[in-house]
Amino acid sequence: MKPLLIGIAGPSCAGKSELAHRLGALLPATVVSLDRYYRDLSHLSFEERTRWNFDVPDALELDLLASHLTALAAGETVEIPVYDFTQHVRTNQRTRVAAADCVVFEGLFTLYREDIRALLDFKVFVEAPDEVCLARRLERDVRERGRTPESVRRQFESTVRPMAERYILPTRVWADLVLDGTAPREALVESVLRELERRGLWPRREPPPH
């Protein structure tokens, strides 16, 4: 049976990743993050990397992502990159991801390209107010990515917010389900599961014997 592919899009820190991982644990499903596909900037100095615009589609290797999703949809195994956000480079490691009954893919530009949207069986958009996204991003980037609060705020105002308005928020129209990222996580998960079941996408049922 073809794997069920679920895509989750939305602005930075709206709640995509947490929703994806909770779904991954419940369905269960393999979870793949678009963040893994940021381009390697090791050819630039660290100072140049810090000035890079990470909030445009070209910052990611979307062609590689599309090929990996195509392979997962066909039941194949892929090796996805590992990205070091503290240095803005890809490491030499790869993560082996095998196709499962369900694959949940999440990231800013999940619904941006038509060819990627066409691979998805169910599309979700998570939205949240700018002030909520900024507060969450401050907590995450300072704790996990070695950033200063000042640099996080500067990046949010210069690229994160304006690029979301240009590239990400318009992709909301392609979603099968739009969720409020400030709602309790359990309610968000339940909304997705209920809609999947309503559409006959989950639980997966074996086709009747011929």
N, C-alpha and C. Protein backbone atom coordinates (compact mmCIF):
# COMPACT_ATOMS: atom_id res chain seq x y z
N MET A 1 0.84 -1.19 0.00
CA MET A 1 0.00 0.00 0.00
C MET A 1 0.88 1.25 0.00
N LYS A 2 0.53 2.22 -0.81
CA LYS A 2 1.30 3.46 -0.89
C LYS A 2 1.29 4.17 0.46
N PRO A 3 2.46 4.67 0.90
CA PRO A 3 2.48 5.40 2.17
C PRO A 3 1.59 6.65 2.10
N LEU A 4 1.00 7.00 3.23
CA LEU A 4 0.24 8.23 3.36
C LEU A 4 1.23 9.35 3.63
N LEU A 5 1.24 10.39 2.78
CA LEU A 5 2.14 11.52 2.95
C LEU A 5 1.36 12.72 3.44
N ILE A 6 1.73 13.23 4.62
CA ILE A 6 1.10 14.40 5.22
C ILE A 6 2.10 15.54 5.23
N GLY A 7 1.71 16.72 4.76
CA GLY A 7 2.58 17.88 4.76
C GLY A 7 2.06 18.94 5.72
N ILE A 8 2.96 19.53 6.50
CA ILE A 8 2.59 20.58 7.44
C ILE A 8 3.42 21.81 7.15
N ALA A 9 2.75 22.92 6.84
CA ALA A 9 3.43 24.18 6.51
C ALA A 9 3.01 25.26 7.50
N GLY A 10 3.67 26.42 7.40
CA GLY A 10 3.33 27.56 8.25
C GLY A 10 4.55 28.37 8.56
N PRO A 11 4.39 29.56 9.12
CA PRO A 11 5.53 30.42 9.44
C PRO A 11 6.40 29.84 10.54
N SER A 12 7.59 30.40 10.69
CA SER A 12 8.55 29.93 11.67
C SER A 12 7.98 29.99 13.08
N CYS A 13 8.08 28.85 13.79
CA CYS A 13 7.68 28.71 15.19
C CYS A 13 6.17 28.87 15.40
N ALA A 14 5.39 28.56 14.38
CA ALA A 14 3.93 28.55 14.54
C ALA A 14 3.46 27.29 15.26
N GLY A 15 4.30 26.23 15.23
CA GLY A 15 3.94 24.98 15.89
C GLY A 15 3.99 23.76 15.00
N LYS A 16 4.62 23.89 13.82
CA LYS A 16 4.67 22.79 12.85
C LYS A 16 5.39 21.57 13.39
N SER A 17 6.58 21.79 13.93
CA SER A 17 7.43 20.67 14.33
C SER A 17 6.81 19.86 15.46
N GLU A 18 6.29 20.54 16.46
CA GLU A 18 5.70 19.82 17.58
C GLU A 18 4.49 19.02 17.13
N LEU A 19 3.66 19.62 16.28
CA LEU A 19 2.51 18.88 15.76
C LEU A 19 2.97 17.66 14.98
N ALA A 20 3.98 17.83 14.13
CA ALA A 20 4.49 16.72 13.32
C ALA A 20 4.99 15.58 14.20
N HIS A 21 5.74 15.90 15.25
CA HIS A 21 6.31 14.85 16.09
C HIS A 21 5.24 14.17 16.95
N ARG A 22 4.24 14.92 17.36
CA ARG A 22 3.15 14.28 18.12
C ARG A 22 2.36 13.35 17.21
N LEU A 23 2.13 13.78 15.97
CA LEU A 23 1.46 12.89 15.02
C LEU A 23 2.32 11.67 14.74
N GLY A 24 3.63 11.90 14.60
CA GLY A 24 4.53 10.80 14.34
C GLY A 24 4.49 9.74 15.40
N ALA A 25 4.34 10.16 16.65
CA ALA A 25 4.30 9.21 17.76
C ALA A 25 2.96 8.48 17.83
N LEU A 26 1.89 9.14 17.42
CA LEU A 26 0.55 8.56 17.57
C LEU A 26 0.14 7.66 16.41
N LEU A 27 0.54 8.02 15.18
CA LEU A 27 -0.04 7.32 14.04
C LEU A 27 0.37 5.84 13.94
N PRO A 28 1.59 5.39 14.08
CA PRO A 28 2.84 6.14 14.11
C PRO A 28 3.30 6.49 12.69
N ALA A 29 4.26 7.43 12.59
CA ALA A 29 4.71 7.88 11.27
C ALA A 29 6.18 8.26 11.32
N THR A 30 6.81 8.23 10.17
CA THR A 30 8.15 8.78 10.01
C THR A 30 8.02 10.29 9.81
N VAL A 31 8.81 11.08 10.53
CA VAL A 31 8.75 12.53 10.43
C VAL A 31 10.02 13.04 9.74
N VAL A 32 9.84 13.88 8.73
CA VAL A 32 10.95 14.48 8.00
C VAL A 32 10.80 15.99 8.05
N SER A 33 11.87 16.70 8.43
CA SER A 33 11.85 18.16 8.51
C SER A 33 12.51 18.78 7.30
N LEU A 34 11.86 19.78 6.74
CA LEU A 34 12.44 20.52 5.62
C LEU A 34 13.74 21.20 6.03
N ASP A 35 13.90 21.51 7.33
CA ASP A 35 15.12 22.16 7.80
C ASP A 35 16.37 21.37 7.45
N ARG A 36 16.23 20.08 7.24
CA ARG A 36 17.39 19.25 6.89
C ARG A 36 17.96 19.63 5.51
N TYR A 37 17.17 20.33 4.71
CA TYR A 37 17.54 20.55 3.31
C TYR A 37 18.10 21.95 3.04
N TYR A 38 18.46 22.68 4.09
CA TYR A 38 19.15 23.95 3.87
C TYR A 38 20.47 23.70 3.14
N ARG A 39 20.80 24.61 2.26
CA ARG A 39 22.03 24.46 1.46
C ARG A 39 23.27 24.60 2.34
N ASP A 40 24.31 23.87 1.95
CA ASP A 40 25.58 23.93 2.66
C ASP A 40 26.27 25.25 2.35
N LEU A 41 26.64 26.01 3.38
CA LEU A 41 27.31 27.30 3.18
C LEU A 41 28.77 27.27 3.62
N SER A 42 29.36 26.08 3.63
CA SER A 42 30.74 25.95 4.11
C SER A 42 31.74 26.69 3.22
N HIS A 43 31.34 27.05 2.00
CA HIS A 43 32.25 27.78 1.11
C HIS A 43 32.34 29.26 1.47
N LEU A 44 31.47 29.71 2.40
CA LEU A 44 31.47 31.10 2.83
C LEU A 44 32.11 31.24 4.20
N SER A 45 32.59 32.43 4.52
CA SER A 45 33.08 32.67 5.87
C SER A 45 31.90 32.65 6.84
N PHE A 46 32.18 32.44 8.13
CA PHE A 46 31.09 32.40 9.10
C PHE A 46 30.34 33.72 9.12
N GLU A 47 31.05 34.82 9.00
CA GLU A 47 30.40 36.14 8.99
C GLU A 47 29.44 36.25 7.81
N GLU A 48 29.86 35.75 6.64
CA GLU A 48 28.98 35.78 5.48
C GLU A 48 27.76 34.89 5.68
N ARG A 49 27.95 33.75 6.32
CA ARG A 49 26.84 32.84 6.57
C ARG A 49 25.78 33.49 7.47
N THR A 50 26.23 34.26 8.47
CA THR A 50 25.28 34.88 9.39
C THR A 50 24.43 35.94 8.70
N ARG A 51 24.90 36.44 7.56
CA ARG A 51 24.13 37.45 6.83
C ARG A 51 23.25 36.84 5.75
N TRP A 52 23.28 35.51 5.61
CA TRP A 52 22.53 34.82 4.56
C TRP A 52 21.03 34.90 4.84
N ASN A 53 20.25 35.00 3.78
CA ASN A 53 18.79 35.00 3.94
C ASN A 53 18.30 33.55 3.90
N PHE A 54 17.94 33.03 5.06
CA PHE A 54 17.49 31.64 5.18
C PHE A 54 15.99 31.49 5.00
N ASP A 55 15.31 32.58 4.67
CA ASP A 55 13.85 32.56 4.64
C ASP A 55 13.26 32.71 3.25
N VAL A 56 14.06 32.35 2.24
CA VAL A 56 13.58 32.33 0.86
C VAL A 56 13.67 30.89 0.35
N PRO A 57 12.85 30.54 -0.62
CA PRO A 57 12.86 29.15 -1.12
C PRO A 57 14.23 28.68 -1.61
N ASP A 58 15.01 29.58 -2.22
CA ASP A 58 16.31 29.18 -2.76
C ASP A 58 17.33 28.84 -1.68
N ALA A 59 17.02 29.14 -0.42
CA ALA A 59 17.94 28.79 0.66
C ALA A 59 17.96 27.29 0.92
N LEU A 60 16.98 26.59 0.35
CA LEU A 60 16.85 25.15 0.55
C LEU A 60 16.99 24.40 -0.77
N GLU A 61 17.45 23.16 -0.69
CA GLU A 61 17.60 22.32 -1.88
C GLU A 61 16.28 21.56 -2.10
N LEU A 62 15.30 22.27 -2.64
CA LEU A 62 13.96 21.71 -2.78
C LEU A 62 13.89 20.61 -3.83
N ASP A 63 14.79 20.64 -4.81
CA ASP A 63 14.80 19.56 -5.80
C ASP A 63 15.18 18.23 -5.14
N LEU A 64 16.15 18.28 -4.23
CA LEU A 64 16.54 17.07 -3.49
C LEU A 64 15.39 16.59 -2.63
N LEU A 65 14.73 17.52 -1.99
CA LEU A 65 13.57 17.16 -1.17
C LEU A 65 12.49 16.48 -2.01
N ALA A 66 12.18 17.05 -3.16
CA ALA A 66 11.15 16.47 -4.03
C ALA A 66 11.53 15.05 -4.44
N SER A 67 12.80 14.83 -4.73
CA SER A 67 13.23 13.48 -5.13
C SER A 67 13.11 12.51 -3.96
N HIS A 68 13.40 12.98 -2.75
CA HIS A 68 13.29 12.11 -1.58
C HIS A 68 11.83 11.78 -1.27
N LEU A 69 10.94 12.77 -1.39
CA LEU A 69 9.53 12.49 -1.15
C LEU A 69 8.98 11.53 -2.20
N THR A 70 9.42 11.69 -3.43
CA THR A 70 9.00 10.77 -4.49
C THR A 70 9.43 9.34 -4.16
N ALA A 71 10.67 9.20 -3.69
CA ALA A 71 11.18 7.88 -3.33
C ALA A 71 10.42 7.30 -2.14
N LEU A 72 10.15 8.11 -1.11
CA LEU A 72 9.41 7.63 0.05
C LEU A 72 7.99 7.22 -0.35
N ALA A 73 7.38 7.99 -1.25
CA ALA A 73 6.04 7.64 -1.73
C ALA A 73 6.03 6.31 -2.46
N ALA A 74 7.17 5.96 -3.05
CA ALA A 74 7.29 4.69 -3.77
C ALA A 74 7.73 3.55 -2.85
N GLY A 75 7.84 3.85 -1.55
CA GLY A 75 8.23 2.81 -0.60
C GLY A 75 9.72 2.58 -0.50
N GLU A 76 10.52 3.52 -1.00
CA GLU A 76 11.97 3.37 -0.98
C GLU A 76 12.58 4.03 0.25
N THR A 77 13.85 3.75 0.48
CA THR A 77 14.62 4.34 1.58
C THR A 77 15.50 5.45 1.05
N VAL A 78 15.61 6.55 1.81
CA VAL A 78 16.45 7.67 1.39
C VAL A 78 17.43 8.02 2.51
N GLU A 79 18.47 8.77 2.15
CA GLU A 79 19.43 9.27 3.13
C GLU A 79 19.38 10.79 3.10
N ILE A 80 18.85 11.39 4.18
CA ILE A 80 18.64 12.82 4.18
C ILE A 80 19.80 13.53 4.87
N PRO A 81 20.09 14.78 4.47
CA PRO A 81 21.22 15.50 5.06
C PRO A 81 21.01 15.81 6.54
N VAL A 82 22.11 16.10 7.22
CA VAL A 82 22.08 16.59 8.60
C VAL A 82 22.67 17.99 8.58
N TYR A 83 21.93 18.96 9.11
CA TYR A 83 22.35 20.36 9.05
C TYR A 83 22.73 20.87 10.43
N ASP A 84 23.84 21.62 10.50
CA ASP A 84 24.33 22.20 11.74
C ASP A 84 23.92 23.68 11.76
N PHE A 85 22.90 24.01 12.55
CA PHE A 85 22.39 25.37 12.57
C PHE A 85 23.31 26.33 13.32
N THR A 86 24.21 25.81 14.14
CA THR A 86 25.12 26.72 14.84
C THR A 86 26.21 27.24 13.91
N GLN A 87 26.52 26.47 12.84
CA GLN A 87 27.57 26.86 11.89
C GLN A 87 27.03 27.15 10.50
N HIS A 88 25.75 26.86 10.27
CA HIS A 88 25.11 27.06 8.96
C HIS A 88 25.77 26.22 7.86
N VAL A 89 26.05 24.96 8.18
CA VAL A 89 26.66 24.05 7.20
C VAL A 89 26.02 22.67 7.35
N ARG A 90 26.13 21.88 6.29
CA ARG A 90 25.77 20.47 6.37
C ARG A 90 26.94 19.69 6.94
N THR A 91 26.61 18.72 7.77
CA THR A 91 27.65 17.85 8.29
C THR A 91 27.91 16.74 7.27
N ASN A 92 28.88 15.89 7.60
CA ASN A 92 29.17 14.75 6.73
C ASN A 92 28.24 13.58 7.00
N GLN A 93 27.38 13.71 7.97
CA GLN A 93 26.47 12.63 8.33
C GLN A 93 25.22 12.65 7.46
N ARG A 94 24.57 11.51 7.42
CA ARG A 94 23.27 11.38 6.76
C ARG A 94 22.36 10.54 7.66
N THR A 95 21.08 10.79 7.58
CA THR A 95 20.11 9.99 8.33
C THR A 95 19.35 9.12 7.36
N ARG A 96 19.37 7.82 7.62
CA ARG A 96 18.67 6.88 6.75
C ARG A 96 17.20 6.84 7.16
N VAL A 97 16.33 7.12 6.22
CA VAL A 97 14.90 7.16 6.49
C VAL A 97 14.20 6.15 5.58
N ALA A 98 13.52 5.22 6.19
CA ALA A 98 12.80 4.21 5.44
C ALA A 98 11.33 4.60 5.33
N ALA A 99 10.72 4.25 4.24
CA ALA A 99 9.29 4.52 4.05
C ALA A 99 8.49 3.77 5.10
N ALA A 100 7.42 4.39 5.55
CA ALA A 100 6.53 3.78 6.52
C ALA A 100 5.10 3.88 5.99
N ASP A 101 4.15 3.34 6.74
CA ASP A 101 2.75 3.49 6.33
C ASP A 101 2.37 4.95 6.21
N CYS A 102 3.00 5.80 7.05
CA CYS A 102 2.71 7.23 7.04
C CYS A 102 4.01 8.01 7.17
N VAL A 103 4.16 9.07 6.38
CA VAL A 103 5.30 9.97 6.47
C VAL A 103 4.77 11.38 6.66
N VAL A 104 5.20 12.05 7.73
CA VAL A 104 4.81 13.43 8.00
C VAL A 104 5.99 14.33 7.67
N PHE A 105 5.76 15.28 6.80
CA PHE A 105 6.80 16.20 6.37
C PHE A 105 6.42 17.61 6.80
N GLU A 106 7.33 18.33 7.47
CA GLU A 106 6.99 19.67 7.95
C GLU A 106 8.10 20.67 7.63
N GLY A 107 7.68 21.91 7.37
CA GLY A 107 8.65 22.96 7.11
C GLY A 107 8.00 24.19 6.51
N LEU A 108 8.76 25.27 6.48
CA LEU A 108 8.23 26.54 5.99
C LEU A 108 7.61 26.43 4.61
N PHE A 109 8.34 25.80 3.68
CA PHE A 109 7.96 25.81 2.28
C PHE A 109 7.31 24.51 1.81
N THR A 110 6.70 23.80 2.75
CA THR A 110 6.09 22.51 2.43
C THR A 110 5.07 22.62 1.29
N LEU A 111 4.31 23.70 1.27
CA LEU A 111 3.25 23.85 0.26
C LEU A 111 3.62 24.85 -0.83
N TYR A 112 4.89 25.20 -0.91
CA TYR A 112 5.30 26.26 -1.84
C TYR A 112 5.32 25.81 -3.29
N ARG A 113 5.86 24.60 -3.53
CA ARG A 113 6.02 24.14 -4.92
C ARG A 113 4.93 23.17 -5.30
N GLU A 114 4.45 23.34 -6.53
CA GLU A 114 3.34 22.51 -7.01
C GLU A 114 3.71 21.04 -7.06
N ASP A 115 4.95 20.73 -7.49
CA ASP A 115 5.33 19.32 -7.62
C ASP A 115 5.38 18.64 -6.26
N ILE A 116 5.77 19.38 -5.22
CA ILE A 116 5.80 18.81 -3.88
C ILE A 116 4.38 18.67 -3.33
N ARG A 117 3.55 19.68 -3.54
CA ARG A 117 2.15 19.57 -3.11
C ARG A 117 1.46 18.37 -3.72
N ALA A 118 1.79 18.08 -4.99
CA ALA A 118 1.14 16.98 -5.69
C ALA A 118 1.47 15.62 -5.07
N LEU A 119 2.58 15.54 -4.34
CA LEU A 119 2.97 14.28 -3.71
C LEU A 119 2.25 14.04 -2.39
N LEU A 120 1.66 15.10 -1.84
CA LEU A 120 1.06 15.01 -0.50
C LEU A 120 -0.39 14.59 -0.56
N ASP A 121 -0.76 13.66 0.31
CA ASP A 121 -2.15 13.20 0.38
C ASP A 121 -3.02 14.11 1.25
N PHE A 122 -2.37 14.79 2.20
CA PHE A 122 -3.12 15.66 3.12
C PHE A 122 -2.21 16.82 3.51
N LYS A 123 -2.73 18.04 3.43
CA LYS A 123 -1.92 19.24 3.63
C LYS A 123 -2.49 20.08 4.77
N VAL A 124 -1.61 20.45 5.71
CA VAL A 124 -2.00 21.22 6.89
C VAL A 124 -1.21 22.53 6.91
N PHE A 125 -1.87 23.61 7.32
CA PHE A 125 -1.18 24.89 7.52
C PHE A 125 -1.42 25.33 8.96
N VAL A 126 -0.32 25.59 9.68
CA VAL A 126 -0.41 26.04 11.07
C VAL A 126 -0.03 27.52 11.11
N GLU A 127 -0.90 28.35 11.69
CA GLU A 127 -0.63 29.78 11.75
C GLU A 127 -0.63 30.25 13.19
N ALA A 128 0.08 31.36 13.44
CA ALA A 128 0.13 31.96 14.78
C ALA A 128 0.52 33.42 14.63
N PRO A 129 0.12 34.29 15.56
CA PRO A 129 0.48 35.70 15.49
C PRO A 129 1.99 35.91 15.52
N ASP A 130 2.46 37.02 14.93
CA ASP A 130 3.89 37.31 14.89
C ASP A 130 4.52 37.32 16.26
N GLU A 131 3.82 37.90 17.25
CA GLU A 131 4.43 38.01 18.57
C GLU A 131 4.63 36.64 19.21
N VAL A 132 3.74 35.71 18.92
CA VAL A 132 3.89 34.34 19.44
C VAL A 132 5.07 33.65 18.76
N CYS A 133 5.13 33.79 17.44
CA CYS A 133 6.23 33.17 16.69
C CYS A 133 7.58 33.72 17.13
N LEU A 134 7.67 35.03 17.35
CA LEU A 134 8.94 35.63 17.78
C LEU A 134 9.33 35.14 19.16
N ALA A 135 8.39 35.09 20.09
CA ALA A 135 8.71 34.62 21.45
C ALA A 135 9.21 33.18 21.42
N ARG A 136 8.56 32.33 20.65
CA ARG A 136 9.00 30.94 20.55
C ARG A 136 10.36 30.84 19.87
N ARG A 137 10.59 31.65 18.85
CA ARG A 137 11.86 31.61 18.13
C ARG A 137 13.01 32.09 19.03
N LEU A 138 12.75 33.11 19.83
CA LEU A 138 13.76 33.57 20.78
C LEU A 138 14.18 32.44 21.71
N GLU A 139 13.20 31.76 22.28
CA GLU A 139 13.50 30.68 23.22
C GLU A 139 14.27 29.57 22.54
N ARG A 140 13.85 29.18 21.33
CA ARG A 140 14.50 28.07 20.62
C ARG A 140 15.91 28.42 20.15
N ASP A 141 16.06 29.56 19.47
CA ASP A 141 17.35 29.87 18.85
C ASP A 141 18.44 30.19 19.87
N VAL A 142 18.06 30.81 20.97
CA VAL A 142 19.05 31.08 22.01
C VAL A 142 19.48 29.79 22.69
N ARG A 143 18.50 28.92 22.94
CA ARG A 143 18.79 27.67 23.66
C ARG A 143 19.48 26.64 22.77
N GLU A 144 19.00 26.47 21.53
CA GLU A 144 19.46 25.37 20.69
C GLU A 144 20.49 25.76 19.64
N ARG A 145 20.50 27.03 19.23
CA ARG A 145 21.32 27.39 18.07
C ARG A 145 22.40 28.43 18.37
N GLY A 146 22.60 28.72 19.65
CA GLY A 146 23.70 29.58 20.04
C GLY A 146 23.56 31.03 19.61
N ARG A 147 22.33 31.51 19.40
CA ARG A 147 22.12 32.89 18.96
C ARG A 147 21.93 33.80 20.15
N THR A 148 22.16 35.10 19.94
CA THR A 148 21.85 36.10 20.96
C THR A 148 20.42 36.60 20.72
N PRO A 149 19.73 37.06 21.79
CA PRO A 149 18.39 37.60 21.59
C PRO A 149 18.35 38.74 20.57
N GLU A 150 19.38 39.57 20.57
CA GLU A 150 19.41 40.69 19.64
C GLU A 150 19.47 40.21 18.20
N SER A 151 20.29 39.19 17.93
CA SER A 151 20.41 38.69 16.56
C SER A 151 19.12 38.01 16.10
N VAL A 152 18.43 37.34 17.04
CA VAL A 152 17.16 36.69 16.69
C VAL A 152 16.12 37.74 16.33
N ARG A 153 16.02 38.79 17.13
CA ARG A 153 15.05 39.85 16.83
C ARG A 153 15.37 40.54 15.52
N ARG A 154 16.64 40.80 15.28
CA ARG A 154 17.06 41.47 14.05
C ARG A 154 16.71 40.62 12.82
N GLN A 155 16.99 39.33 12.90
CA GLN A 155 16.68 38.44 11.78
C GLN A 155 15.17 38.33 11.56
N PHE A 156 14.42 38.29 12.65
CA PHE A 156 12.97 38.18 12.52
C PHE A 156 12.40 39.39 11.79
N GLU A 157 12.86 40.57 12.12
CA GLU A 157 12.34 41.78 11.50
C GLU A 157 12.84 41.97 10.07
N SER A 158 14.08 41.56 9.81
CA SER A 158 14.67 41.82 8.49
C SER A 158 14.30 40.79 7.44
N THR A 159 14.17 39.51 7.84
CA THR A 159 13.88 38.48 6.83
C THR A 159 12.74 37.54 7.20
N VAL A 160 12.67 37.10 8.46
CA VAL A 160 11.69 36.07 8.83
C VAL A 160 10.27 36.56 8.58
N ARG A 161 9.92 37.72 9.15
CA ARG A 161 8.55 38.22 9.00
C ARG A 161 8.23 38.62 7.56
N PRO A 162 9.06 39.45 6.90
CA PRO A 162 8.71 39.84 5.52
C PRO A 162 8.71 38.68 4.53
N MET A 163 9.61 37.71 4.69
CA MET A 163 9.63 36.58 3.76
C MET A 163 8.45 35.65 3.99
N ALA A 164 8.00 35.56 5.25
CA ALA A 164 6.80 34.77 5.52
C ALA A 164 5.60 35.39 4.82
N GLU A 165 5.51 36.71 4.86
CA GLU A 165 4.39 37.38 4.19
C GLU A 165 4.46 37.19 2.68
N ARG A 166 5.66 37.12 2.14
CA ARG A 166 5.81 36.99 0.69
C ARG A 166 5.65 35.56 0.20
N TYR A 167 6.27 34.61 0.91
CA TYR A 167 6.35 33.25 0.38
C TYR A 167 5.49 32.21 1.11
N ILE A 168 5.30 32.37 2.41
CA ILE A 168 4.71 31.29 3.21
C ILE A 168 3.22 31.48 3.44
N LEU A 169 2.83 32.65 3.92
CA LEU A 169 1.41 32.87 4.20
C LEU A 169 0.52 32.65 2.98
N PRO A 170 0.95 33.02 1.76
CA PRO A 170 0.10 32.75 0.59
C PRO A 170 -0.16 31.27 0.33
N THR A 171 0.70 30.36 0.86
CA THR A 171 0.51 28.93 0.60
C THR A 171 -0.61 28.35 1.46
N ARG A 172 -1.16 29.16 2.35
CA ARG A 172 -2.29 28.73 3.18
C ARG A 172 -3.46 28.25 2.33
N VAL A 173 -3.62 28.82 1.12
CA VAL A 173 -4.77 28.49 0.27
C VAL A 173 -4.73 27.04 -0.19
N TRP A 174 -3.55 26.40 -0.14
CA TRP A 174 -3.43 25.03 -0.64
C TRP A 174 -3.73 24.01 0.44
N ALA A 175 -3.93 24.45 1.68
CA ALA A 175 -4.09 23.51 2.80
C ALA A 175 -5.48 22.88 2.80
N ASP A 176 -5.52 21.61 3.19
CA ASP A 176 -6.80 20.94 3.42
C ASP A 176 -7.35 21.27 4.80
N LEU A 177 -6.45 21.68 5.71
CA LEU A 177 -6.84 21.99 7.07
C LEU A 177 -5.95 23.11 7.59
N VAL A 178 -6.55 24.18 8.12
CA VAL A 178 -5.80 25.30 8.71
C VAL A 178 -6.02 25.27 10.21
N LEU A 179 -4.92 25.35 10.97
CA LEU A 179 -4.99 25.24 12.42
C LEU A 179 -4.40 26.47 13.10
N ASP A 180 -4.91 26.78 14.28
CA ASP A 180 -4.41 27.86 15.11
C ASP A 180 -3.30 27.32 16.00
N GLY A 181 -2.07 27.77 15.72
CA GLY A 181 -0.92 27.23 16.45
C GLY A 181 -0.84 27.63 17.90
N THR A 182 -1.75 28.50 18.37
CA THR A 182 -1.77 28.84 19.80
C THR A 182 -2.72 27.93 20.58
N ALA A 183 -3.47 27.09 19.90
CA ALA A 183 -4.40 26.17 20.57
C ALA A 183 -3.62 25.07 21.27
N PRO A 184 -4.23 24.41 22.25
CA PRO A 184 -3.54 23.29 22.92
C PRO A 184 -3.10 22.23 21.91
N ARG A 185 -1.93 21.68 22.12
CA ARG A 185 -1.38 20.71 21.17
C ARG A 185 -2.29 19.50 21.00
N GLU A 186 -2.91 19.07 22.09
CA GLU A 186 -3.79 17.90 21.99
C GLU A 186 -4.96 18.18 21.05
N ALA A 187 -5.46 19.43 21.08
CA ALA A 187 -6.58 19.79 20.22
C ALA A 187 -6.15 19.82 18.76
N LEU A 188 -4.93 20.28 18.48
CA LEU A 188 -4.43 20.31 17.11
C LEU A 188 -4.28 18.89 16.56
N VAL A 189 -3.70 18.02 17.37
CA VAL A 189 -3.52 16.63 16.95
C VAL A 189 -4.87 15.99 16.68
N GLU A 190 -5.81 16.20 17.58
CA GLU A 190 -7.14 15.62 17.42
C GLU A 190 -7.82 16.14 16.15
N SER A 191 -7.64 17.40 15.82
CA SER A 191 -8.23 17.96 14.60
C SER A 191 -7.70 17.26 13.35
N VAL A 192 -6.39 17.01 13.35
CA VAL A 192 -5.79 16.32 12.19
C VAL A 192 -6.29 14.89 12.11
N LEU A 193 -6.27 14.18 13.22
CA LEU A 193 -6.71 12.77 13.21
C LEU A 193 -8.17 12.64 12.81
N ARG A 194 -8.99 13.56 13.30
CA ARG A 194 -10.41 13.51 12.97
C ARG A 194 -10.64 13.75 11.47
N GLU A 195 -9.88 14.69 10.90
CA GLU A 195 -10.05 14.98 9.48
C GLU A 195 -9.50 13.86 8.61
N LEU A 196 -8.40 13.26 9.03
CA LEU A 196 -7.86 12.11 8.29
C LEU A 196 -8.87 10.97 8.26
N GLU A 197 -9.49 10.71 9.41
CA GLU A 197 -10.47 9.63 9.48
C GLU A 197 -11.71 9.97 8.64
N ARG A 198 -12.13 11.23 8.70
CA ARG A 198 -13.31 11.65 7.93
C ARG A 198 -13.09 11.46 6.44
N ARG A 199 -11.87 11.68 5.99
CA ARG A 199 -11.55 11.53 4.58
C ARG A 199 -11.20 10.10 4.19
N GLY A 200 -11.20 9.20 5.16
CA GLY A 200 -10.88 7.81 4.86
C GLY A 200 -9.41 7.56 4.64
N LEU A 201 -8.55 8.47 5.13
CA LEU A 201 -7.11 8.33 4.94
C LEU A 201 -6.44 7.57 6.07
N TRP A 202 -7.08 7.53 7.24
CA TRP A 202 -6.52 6.87 8.41
C TRP A 202 -7.66 6.52 9.36
N PRO A 203 -7.67 5.37 10.00
CA PRO A 203 -6.66 4.30 9.96
C PRO A 203 -6.54 3.66 8.57
N ARG A 204 -5.34 3.22 8.27
CA ARG A 204 -5.12 2.55 6.99
C ARG A 204 -5.81 1.19 7.02
N ARG A 205 -6.47 0.89 5.95
CA ARG A 205 -7.14 -0.42 5.86
C ARG A 205 -6.60 -1.15 4.64
N GLU A 206 -6.35 -2.43 4.83
CA GLU A 206 -5.87 -3.23 3.71
C GLU A 206 -6.98 -3.34 2.65
N PRO A 207 -6.60 -3.28 1.39
CA PRO A 207 -7.61 -3.44 0.35
C PRO A 207 -8.24 -4.83 0.41
N PRO A 208 -9.50 -4.97 0.04
CA PRO A 208 -10.16 -6.27 0.09
C PRO A 208 -9.49 -7.24 -0.86
N PRO A 209 -9.46 -8.53 -0.53
CA PRO A 209 -8.83 -9.53 -1.42
C PRO A 209 -9.62 -9.64 -2.71
N HIS A 210 -8.88 -9.94 -3.77
CA HIS A 210 -9.52 -10.10 -5.09
C HIS A 210 -10.23 -11.47 -5.17
